Amino acid sequence: MHAMVLPAPGTPLRLEERADPAPGNGEIRVKVIACGVCRTDLHVVDAELPNIRYPIIPGHEIVGRVDLVGENVTTHRLGDRVGIPWLGYTCGTCRFCKEGMENLCDRPLFTGYTRDGGFASHTIADARYAFPLGEDGDDVSIAPLLCAGLIGWRSLVMAGKAERLGIYGFGAAGHIVAQIARWQGRSVYAFTRGGDSAAQNLARKLGAVWAGASGELPNEPLDAAIIYAPAGELVPAALRAVRKGGRVVCAGIHMSDIPSFPYQLLWEERELVSVANLTRQDGLDFLKVAPQAGVRTETTAFPLVEANDVLTRLRTGQVLGAAVLVS
């Protein structure tokens, strides 16, 4: 197999040839067809997350086909198309797992972070955490659904029944969630970097009733807002934009420090909450809803060997929609 490997903090990914991996008990080997490039991959590469395992193969929006099955796997067969998400394993025994909150497991493994991921020709996955995808849809278009879509779905559910929904950071997750929100009958307000006319135009194309810079206020208060951009200064901006009793959902795994802000922005029963990871049920629910909502991802495909360039484009805001690596 070959893979783009992060050998150490602060280094570029390097192309490596490795022996083909063998699945263990309860595992499958997957031949990777496409792997979306997520902002969380950038946080891994930039060493912004704790306890990164080096060397590590990033990537957790994986679409591929099972090409080897380990012992005691009954859910997948050779040739099945599967999707491998961020959550790669949970212990099943801690308090959170037992109470239906496996996304908060005390001893989890995460694809492309604490176990090798999909910036490779092959990867190993726990069969319990590989979603069956069936044969409908294009591999490249599906890949961003495996994290941008899943985390977007969880954050949308946490936003409640908001009729007027703000989306801060209109990238991979934002453009997927906007489509579901519109399908649900909500009004979408898109907030982007100042001057990012491409993202604002995409938002309007997908049905947003308003699109502007993140420092602007919409023409009427929002019922809820979701923040996908990893910028802490957006928290007070979003609180300022929501109505009394509104909710702001922070959807990223990493965010820069939140600046101090007057209590007045939080007062009147506004809520500030975060989303952590996902559950397998989130995946099952979302993968059922996405085709019903007619979700179409805006993607650009790149060869696997161009992973470093793609990460640079993502870091500098040059990716419209989602980037996907193909091996």
Protein backbone atom coordinates (compact mmCIF):
# COMPACT_ATOMS: atom_id res chain seq x y z
CA MET A 1 0.00 0.00 0.00
CA HIS A 2 1.01 3.63 -0.27
CA ALA A 3 0.04 6.51 2.00
CA MET A 4 0.62 10.18 2.74
CA VAL A 5 2.05 10.04 6.25
CA LEU A 6 2.53 12.75 8.88
CA PRO A 7 5.83 11.71 10.48
CA ALA A 8 6.14 14.37 13.19
CA PRO A 9 4.71 17.72 14.33
CA GLY A 10 5.29 20.61 11.98
CA THR A 11 6.38 18.50 9.01
CA PRO A 12 4.72 18.03 5.63
CA LEU A 13 3.10 14.74 4.74
CA ARG A 14 5.39 12.34 2.91
CA LEU A 15 4.54 9.57 0.48
CA GLU A 16 5.42 6.15 1.89
CA GLU A 17 5.19 2.59 0.65
CA ARG A 18 4.16 0.11 3.34
CA ALA A 19 3.34 -3.56 3.59
CA ASP A 20 -0.34 -4.25 3.00
CA PRO A 21 -2.10 -4.18 6.40
CA ALA A 22 -4.06 -7.17 7.68
CA PRO A 23 -7.36 -6.75 9.53
CA GLY A 24 -7.61 -8.12 13.05
CA ASN A 25 -10.56 -9.65 14.84
CA GLY A 26 -13.71 -7.63 14.04
CA GLU A 27 -11.90 -5.49 11.47
CA ILE A 28 -12.04 -5.00 7.71
CA ARG A 29 -9.48 -3.79 5.21
CA VAL A 30 -10.79 -1.19 2.81
CA LYS A 31 -9.36 -0.17 -0.54
CA VAL A 32 -9.77 3.60 -0.45
CA ILE A 33 -11.41 5.18 -3.48
CA ALA A 34 -11.91 8.72 -2.17
CA CYS A 35 -11.16 10.58 1.05
CA GLY A 36 -12.47 14.04 1.81
CA VAL A 37 -10.11 16.64 3.27
CA CYS A 38 -11.62 18.04 6.46
CA ARG A 39 -10.58 21.00 8.56
CA THR A 40 -9.92 18.53 11.37
CA ASP A 41 -7.20 17.01 9.17
CA LEU A 42 -5.65 20.47 9.16
CA HIS A 43 -5.81 20.59 12.96
CA VAL A 44 -3.99 17.25 13.07
CA VAL A 45 -1.32 18.32 10.58
CA ASP A 46 -0.84 21.66 12.36
CA ALA A 47 -0.57 19.87 15.75
CA GLU A 48 -3.50 21.84 17.18
CA LEU A 49 -5.00 18.73 18.78
CA PRO A 50 -3.56 16.93 21.82
CA ASN A 51 -2.15 13.39 21.94
CA ILE A 52 -1.62 12.92 18.22
CA ARG A 53 -0.09 9.53 17.45
CA TYR A 54 2.99 9.85 15.22
CA PRO A 55 3.51 8.73 12.56
CA ILE A 56 -0.13 9.00 11.53
CA ILE A 57 -2.03 8.78 8.24
CA PRO A 58 -4.70 11.52 8.31
CA GLY A 59 -8.12 11.35 6.69
CA HIS A 60 -11.54 10.40 8.04
CA GLU A 61 -14.05 10.98 5.23
CA ILE A 62 -13.35 7.66 3.58
CA VAL A 63 -15.25 5.92 0.80
CA GLY A 64 -13.93 2.56 -0.32
CA ARG A 65 -14.57 -1.11 -0.86
CA VAL A 66 -13.96 -3.99 1.51
CA ASP A 67 -11.13 -6.11 0.12
CA LEU A 68 -10.28 -8.27 3.15
CA VAL A 69 -12.43 -9.35 6.11
CA GLY A 70 -11.11 -10.24 9.55
CA GLU A 71 -12.45 -12.87 11.90
CA ASN A 72 -15.93 -12.53 13.42
CA VAL A 73 -17.12 -9.94 10.91
CA THR A 74 -20.66 -10.68 9.75
CA THR A 75 -21.83 -7.21 8.70
CA HIS A 76 -19.62 -6.67 5.63
CA ARG A 77 -18.57 -8.77 2.67
CA LEU A 78 -15.84 -8.48 0.04
CA GLY A 79 -16.67 -5.76 -2.45
CA ASP A 80 -19.12 -3.87 -0.24
CA ARG A 81 -18.86 -0.09 -0.50
CA VAL A 82 -18.47 1.45 2.95
CA GLY A 83 -17.93 4.84 4.55
CA ILE A 84 -15.48 5.27 7.40
CA PRO A 85 -16.03 8.32 9.64
CA TRP A 86 -14.11 10.17 12.36
CA LEU A 87 -15.30 7.95 15.22
CA GLY A 88 -13.38 4.72 14.75
CA TYR A 89 -13.89 2.84 18.03
CA THR A 90 -15.52 3.22 21.44
CA CYS A 91 -15.01 1.09 24.53
CA GLY A 92 -18.69 0.28 25.12
CA THR A 93 -18.15 0.05 28.89
CA CYS A 94 -17.64 3.60 30.19
CA ARG A 95 -20.49 5.65 31.62
CA PHE A 96 -20.98 7.61 28.42
CA CYS A 97 -21.15 4.56 26.17
CA LYS A 98 -23.63 2.89 28.49
CA GLU A 99 -25.83 6.00 28.56
CA GLY A 100 -26.03 6.32 24.78
CA MET A 101 -23.37 9.01 24.46
CA GLU A 102 -20.62 7.08 22.68
CA ASN A 103 -19.45 10.34 21.12
CA LEU A 104 -18.10 11.20 24.59
CA CYS A 105 -16.45 7.81 25.21
CA ASP A 106 -13.57 7.88 27.68
CA ARG A 107 -11.39 5.56 25.55
CA PRO A 108 -12.21 6.26 21.91
CA LEU A 109 -10.12 5.94 18.76
CA PHE A 110 -10.47 8.48 15.96
CA THR A 111 -9.77 7.81 12.31
CA GLY A 112 -6.83 9.79 10.99
CA TYR A 113 -5.92 11.05 14.47
CA THR A 114 -5.32 8.18 16.88
CA ARG A 115 -5.60 5.41 14.27
CA ASP A 116 -4.50 5.54 10.65
CA GLY A 117 -6.93 7.06 8.21
CA GLY A 118 -7.73 7.42 4.55
CA PHE A 119 -4.94 9.46 2.94
CA ALA A 120 -3.82 6.09 1.61
CA SER A 121 -4.59 3.34 -0.87
CA HIS A 122 -5.81 1.03 1.93
CA THR A 123 -6.93 1.37 5.53
CA ILE A 124 -8.10 -0.82 8.40
CA ALA A 125 -11.41 -0.13 10.15
CA ASP A 126 -13.43 -1.61 12.98
CA ALA A 127 -16.33 -3.17 11.09
CA ARG A 128 -18.81 -1.80 13.63
CA TYR A 129 -17.83 1.76 12.65
CA ALA A 130 -18.00 1.38 8.87
CA PHE A 131 -21.29 2.51 7.36
CA PRO A 132 -22.78 0.54 4.45
CA LEU A 133 -23.20 2.95 1.53
CA GLY A 134 -24.90 0.85 -1.12
CA GLU A 135 -24.29 1.62 -4.78
CA ASP A 136 -26.13 4.91 -5.32
CA GLY A 137 -24.10 8.08 -5.71
CA ASP A 138 -20.62 9.05 -6.80
CA ASP A 139 -17.68 8.17 -4.50
CA VAL A 140 -16.14 11.66 -4.58
CA SER A 141 -19.47 13.36 -3.89
CA ILE A 142 -20.23 11.04 -0.97
CA ALA A 143 -16.86 11.44 0.80
CA PRO A 144 -17.59 14.83 2.46
CA LEU A 145 -20.77 13.40 3.96
CA LEU A 146 -18.66 11.20 6.24
CA CYS A 147 -17.64 14.11 8.50
CA ALA A 148 -18.73 17.49 7.17
CA GLY A 149 -22.16 15.98 6.67
CA LEU A 150 -22.29 13.94 9.88
CA ILE A 151 -21.04 16.68 12.19
CA GLY A 152 -23.18 19.15 10.27
CA TRP A 153 -26.22 16.96 10.91
CA ARG A 154 -25.47 16.62 14.63
CA SER A 155 -24.99 20.38 14.97
CA LEU A 156 -28.21 21.05 13.06
CA VAL A 157 -30.13 18.75 15.42
CA MET A 158 -28.58 20.57 18.39
CA ALA A 159 -29.68 23.90 16.93
CA GLY A 160 -33.26 22.84 17.62
CA LYS A 161 -36.25 23.97 15.60
CA ALA A 162 -34.71 27.29 14.60
CA GLU A 163 -36.65 28.84 11.73
CA ARG A 164 -33.94 31.43 11.01
CA LEU A 165 -30.59 29.64 11.07
CA GLY A 166 -27.18 31.31 10.80
CA ILE A 167 -24.20 29.36 9.44
CA TYR A 168 -20.78 30.82 10.25
CA GLY A 169 -18.16 29.40 7.90
CA PHE A 170 -19.68 28.31 4.61
CA GLY A 171 -17.34 25.49 3.67
CA ALA A 172 -17.77 21.73 3.47
CA ALA A 173 -20.13 21.36 6.43
CA GLY A 174 -21.92 24.66 5.90
CA HIS A 175 -22.91 24.00 2.31
CA ILE A 176 -24.28 20.55 3.21
CA VAL A 177 -26.23 21.73 6.24
CA ALA A 178 -27.70 24.64 4.29
CA GLN A 179 -29.29 22.18 1.87
CA ILE A 180 -30.84 20.11 4.63
CA ALA A 181 -32.05 23.21 6.46
CA ARG A 182 -33.71 24.54 3.32
CA TRP A 183 -35.32 21.12 2.70
CA GLN A 184 -36.68 21.33 6.24
CA GLY A 185 -38.22 24.71 5.46
CA ARG A 186 -35.79 26.89 7.43
CA SER A 187 -34.38 30.23 6.32
CA VAL A 188 -30.58 30.12 6.02
CA TYR A 189 -28.25 33.05 6.70
CA ALA A 190 -24.65 32.48 5.56
CA PHE A 191 -21.65 34.21 7.16
CA THR A 192 -18.25 34.05 5.47
CA ARG A 193 -14.85 35.70 5.60
CA GLY A 194 -15.05 39.29 4.50
CA GLY A 195 -14.91 39.57 0.73
CA ASP A 196 -15.43 35.86 0.07
CA SER A 197 -17.88 36.42 -2.75
CA ALA A 198 -17.48 32.86 -4.06
CA ALA A 199 -18.74 31.32 -0.81
CA GLN A 200 -21.51 33.91 -0.53
CA ASN A 201 -22.62 33.22 -4.09
CA LEU A 202 -22.63 29.48 -3.39
CA ALA A 203 -24.78 30.11 -0.32
CA ARG A 204 -27.31 32.09 -2.34
CA LYS A 205 -27.27 29.41 -5.05
CA LEU A 206 -28.18 26.85 -2.36
CA GLY A 207 -31.10 28.95 -1.17
CA ALA A 208 -29.71 31.23 1.55
CA VAL A 209 -31.93 34.27 2.06
CA TRP A 210 -28.94 36.35 3.19
CA ALA A 211 -25.17 36.08 2.80
CA GLY A 212 -22.51 38.41 4.12
CA ALA A 213 -19.36 38.84 6.18
CA SER A 214 -19.16 37.30 9.64
CA GLY A 215 -18.92 40.71 11.27
CA GLU A 216 -22.22 41.86 9.81
CA LEU A 217 -25.67 41.53 11.36
CA PRO A 218 -28.56 40.09 9.34
CA ASN A 219 -31.70 42.10 8.77
CA GLU A 220 -33.52 40.25 11.58
CA PRO A 221 -32.38 38.26 14.64
CA LEU A 222 -31.55 34.59 14.20
CA ASP A 223 -33.22 31.81 16.14
CA ALA A 224 -29.95 29.84 16.23
CA ALA A 225 -26.49 29.88 14.74
CA ILE A 226 -23.92 27.18 14.03
CA ILE A 227 -20.21 28.03 13.93
CA TYR A 228 -18.07 25.82 11.68
CA ALA A 229 -15.08 28.14 11.31
CA PRO A 230 -12.43 27.55 14.03
CA ALA A 231 -12.36 31.22 15.01
CA GLY A 232 -13.20 32.05 18.62
CA GLU A 233 -14.07 35.65 17.78
CA LEU A 234 -17.16 34.36 15.99
CA VAL A 235 -18.76 33.31 19.28
CA PRO A 236 -19.62 36.83 20.48
CA ALA A 237 -20.53 37.77 16.90
CA ALA A 238 -23.02 34.90 16.72
CA LEU A 239 -24.43 35.64 20.18
CA ARG A 240 -24.98 39.20 19.05
CA ALA A 241 -26.92 37.94 16.03
CA VAL A 242 -29.32 35.56 17.81
CA ARG A 243 -32.57 36.58 19.49
CA LYS A 244 -33.48 36.22 23.14
CA GLY A 245 -33.59 32.53 24.02
CA GLY A 246 -31.53 31.71 20.92
CA ARG A 247 -28.75 29.14 20.74
CA VAL A 248 -25.22 29.21 19.35
CA VAL A 249 -23.68 25.82 18.49
CA CYS A 250 -19.89 25.49 18.20
CA ALA A 251 -19.39 22.57 15.83
CA GLY A 252 -15.61 22.25 15.50
CA ILE A 253 -13.24 20.00 17.39
CA HIS A 254 -10.81 22.92 17.75
CA MET A 255 -11.32 26.66 18.01
CA SER A 256 -9.04 29.56 18.78
CA ASP A 257 -9.56 31.22 22.15
CA ILE A 258 -12.89 32.94 22.62
CA PRO A 259 -12.36 36.61 23.48
CA SER A 260 -14.07 38.13 26.49
CA PHE A 261 -17.47 39.61 25.79
CA PRO A 262 -20.11 41.45 27.82
CA TYR A 263 -22.55 39.27 29.73
CA GLN A 264 -25.33 41.14 27.98
CA LEU A 265 -24.67 39.05 24.85
CA LEU A 266 -25.38 35.82 26.75
CA TRP A 267 -28.14 37.16 28.96
CA GLU A 268 -31.84 36.74 28.18
CA GLU A 269 -31.42 32.96 28.16
CA ARG A 270 -29.22 32.67 25.10
CA GLU A 271 -27.34 29.36 25.06
CA LEU A 272 -23.80 28.48 23.98
CA VAL A 273 -23.15 24.77 23.39
CA SER A 274 -20.58 22.58 21.65
CA VAL A 275 -20.75 19.47 19.50
CA ALA A 276 -18.28 16.66 20.12
CA ASN A 277 -17.69 13.93 17.55
CA LEU A 278 -20.68 11.84 16.47
CA THR A 279 -22.52 8.64 17.25
CA ARG A 280 -23.17 5.76 14.89
CA GLN A 281 -26.86 6.59 15.11
CA ASP A 282 -26.07 10.09 13.83
CA GLY A 283 -24.51 8.43 10.81
CA LEU A 284 -27.44 6.14 10.14
CA ASP A 285 -29.91 9.00 10.52
CA PHE A 286 -27.99 11.39 8.29
CA LEU A 287 -27.22 8.91 5.53
CA LYS A 288 -30.96 8.24 5.34
CA VAL A 289 -31.90 11.94 5.28
CA ALA A 290 -29.24 13.16 2.82
CA PRO A 291 -30.74 11.53 -0.31
CA GLN A 292 -34.26 12.49 0.77
CA ALA A 293 -33.12 16.12 1.03
CA GLY A 294 -31.38 15.89 -2.34
CA VAL A 295 -28.00 16.91 -0.89
CA ARG A 296 -25.42 17.61 -3.59
CA THR A 297 -21.87 18.30 -2.48
CA GLU A 298 -19.66 20.88 -4.17
CA THR A 299 -16.36 19.01 -4.57
CA THR A 300 -12.99 19.26 -6.26
CA ALA A 301 -10.95 16.06 -6.64
CA PHE A 302 -7.16 15.94 -6.34
CA PRO A 303 -4.64 13.10 -6.61
CA LEU A 304 -3.58 11.68 -3.25
CA VAL A 305 0.01 12.82 -3.77
CA GLU A 306 -1.17 16.46 -3.79
CA ALA A 307 -2.41 16.24 -0.19
CA ASN A 308 0.04 18.86 1.10
CA ASP A 309 -1.05 21.37 -1.53
CA VAL A 310 -4.71 20.69 -0.77
CA LEU A 311 -4.13 21.25 2.95
CA THR A 312 -2.45 24.57 2.15
CA ARG A 313 -5.43 25.60 0.04
CA LEU A 314 -7.79 24.72 2.86
CA ARG A 315 -5.67 26.59 5.39
CA THR A 316 -5.75 29.75 3.26
CA GLY A 317 -9.44 29.58 2.39
CA GLN A 318 -8.99 28.61 -1.26
CA VAL A 319 -11.36 25.60 -1.22
CA LEU A 320 -14.94 26.13 -2.31
CA GLY A 321 -17.16 23.43 -0.86
CA ALA A 322 -15.02 20.37 -0.17
CA ALA A 323 -11.73 18.94 -1.46
CA VAL A 324 -11.43 15.19 -1.98
CA LEU A 325 -8.32 13.05 -2.50
CA VAL A 326 -8.51 10.11 -4.87
CA SER A 327 -6.02 7.26 -4.87
